[in-house]
Amino acid sequence: METVRDDFITQGYEVLREGEGTTLMRKSTWGSTSTHIIVALLTVWWTLGIGNLIYALVAHNGADQVMIKLEAPEPAPGAAPVAATPEA
């Protein structure tokens, strides 16, 4: 699971939550530069940059999320169950 998590981090994802068998990740983005320029050209006069701020927050909160789950392998058919040993 560590290698998969590291691959996603390399691709620009950030870890939101990490549990024993799961990791929730989100694409770290604040929006594209070209869209920020378009929003600024269309709204900066009336909103004094608040339109750009709203776009950045929407892009960041609406970014792609990925849940990585670590699942235990299923036992092979006919395999004997493994008994748990008590710890002292």
Protein backbone atom coordinates (compact mmCIF):
# COMPACT_ATOMS: atom_id res chain seq x y z
CA MET A 1 0.00 0.00 0.00
CA GLU A 2 2.93 2.33 0.68
CA THR A 3 4.10 2.20 -2.94
CA VAL A 4 0.63 2.94 -4.31
CA ARG A 5 0.25 5.84 -1.89
CA ASP A 6 3.67 7.19 -2.88
CA ASP A 7 2.72 6.92 -6.58
CA PHE A 8 -0.39 9.03 -5.99
CA ILE A 9 1.62 11.60 -4.01
CA THR A 10 4.07 11.82 -6.92
CA GLN A 11 1.09 12.50 -9.24
CA GLY A 12 0.03 15.48 -7.11
CA TYR A 13 -2.39 13.97 -4.60
CA GLU A 14 -2.43 14.84 -0.90
CA VAL A 15 -3.37 12.55 2.00
CA LEU A 16 -6.60 13.59 3.71
CA ARG A 17 -7.07 10.66 6.08
CA GLU A 18 -5.06 7.56 6.75
CA GLY A 19 -6.33 4.56 8.67
CA GLU A 20 -5.11 1.02 9.28
CA GLY A 21 -6.32 -0.37 5.98
CA THR A 22 -7.45 2.73 4.05
CA THR A 23 -6.04 6.00 2.78
CA LEU A 24 -8.17 8.85 1.42
CA MET A 25 -6.36 11.13 -1.01
CA ARG A 26 -7.36 14.23 -2.99
CA LYS A 27 -5.83 15.83 -6.07
CA SER A 28 -4.09 18.99 -4.88
CA THR A 29 -5.30 21.72 -7.25
CA TRP A 30 -6.47 25.30 -7.03
CA GLY A 31 -7.69 25.46 -10.63
CA SER A 32 -5.98 25.99 -13.94
CA THR A 33 -4.09 29.18 -14.72
CA SER A 34 -6.02 29.81 -17.92
CA THR A 35 -9.37 29.56 -16.15
CA HIS A 36 -8.16 31.92 -13.41
CA ILE A 37 -7.22 34.46 -16.09
CA ILE A 38 -10.63 34.14 -17.77
CA VAL A 39 -12.48 34.48 -14.46
CA ALA A 40 -10.34 37.50 -13.57
CA LEU A 41 -11.00 39.19 -16.93
CA LEU A 42 -14.75 38.63 -16.63
CA THR A 43 -15.33 39.39 -12.95
CA VAL A 44 -12.46 41.36 -11.38
CA TRP A 45 -14.08 44.74 -12.04
CA TRP A 46 -17.29 43.81 -10.19
CA THR A 47 -16.03 41.41 -7.52
CA LEU A 48 -12.53 42.78 -6.80
CA GLY A 49 -11.02 39.29 -7.08
CA ILE A 50 -13.62 37.47 -4.99
CA GLY A 51 -14.77 35.58 -8.11
CA ASN A 52 -11.24 34.19 -8.52
CA LEU A 53 -11.13 33.21 -4.86
CA ILE A 54 -14.47 31.40 -5.13
CA TYR A 55 -13.29 29.58 -8.26
CA ALA A 56 -10.09 28.46 -6.48
CA LEU A 57 -12.04 27.15 -3.47
CA VAL A 58 -14.55 25.29 -5.64
CA ALA A 59 -11.74 23.73 -7.70
CA HIS A 60 -9.87 22.68 -4.56
CA ASN A 61 -12.87 21.25 -2.70
CA GLY A 62 -14.31 19.56 -5.80
CA ALA A 63 -11.05 17.89 -6.81
CA ASP A 64 -10.79 14.17 -7.51
CA GLN A 65 -10.65 11.95 -4.44
CA VAL A 66 -9.20 8.44 -4.29
CA MET A 67 -9.76 5.83 -1.58
CA ILE A 68 -7.03 3.18 -1.37
CA LYS A 69 -8.10 0.05 0.52
CA LEU A 70 -5.88 -2.74 1.73
CA GLU A 71 -7.85 -5.98 1.54
CA ALA A 72 -6.80 -9.27 3.08
CA PRO A 73 -6.32 -12.01 0.48
CA GLU A 74 -9.02 -14.65 0.42
CA PRO A 75 -7.89 -18.12 1.52
CA ALA A 76 -7.42 -20.68 -1.21
CA PRO A 77 -10.22 -23.24 -1.57
CA GLY A 78 -9.57 -26.22 0.68
CA ALA A 79 -6.93 -24.43 2.75
CA ALA A 80 -7.00 -24.94 6.49
CA PRO A 81 -7.92 -21.87 8.54
CA VAL A 82 -5.04 -20.25 10.37
CA ALA A 83 -5.49 -20.27 14.14
CA ALA A 84 -4.63 -17.10 15.99
CA THR A 85 -2.00 -17.49 18.67
CA PRO A 86 -2.60 -15.64 21.94
CA GLU A 87 -0.03 -13.00 22.80
CA ALA A 88 1.47 -12.98 26.25
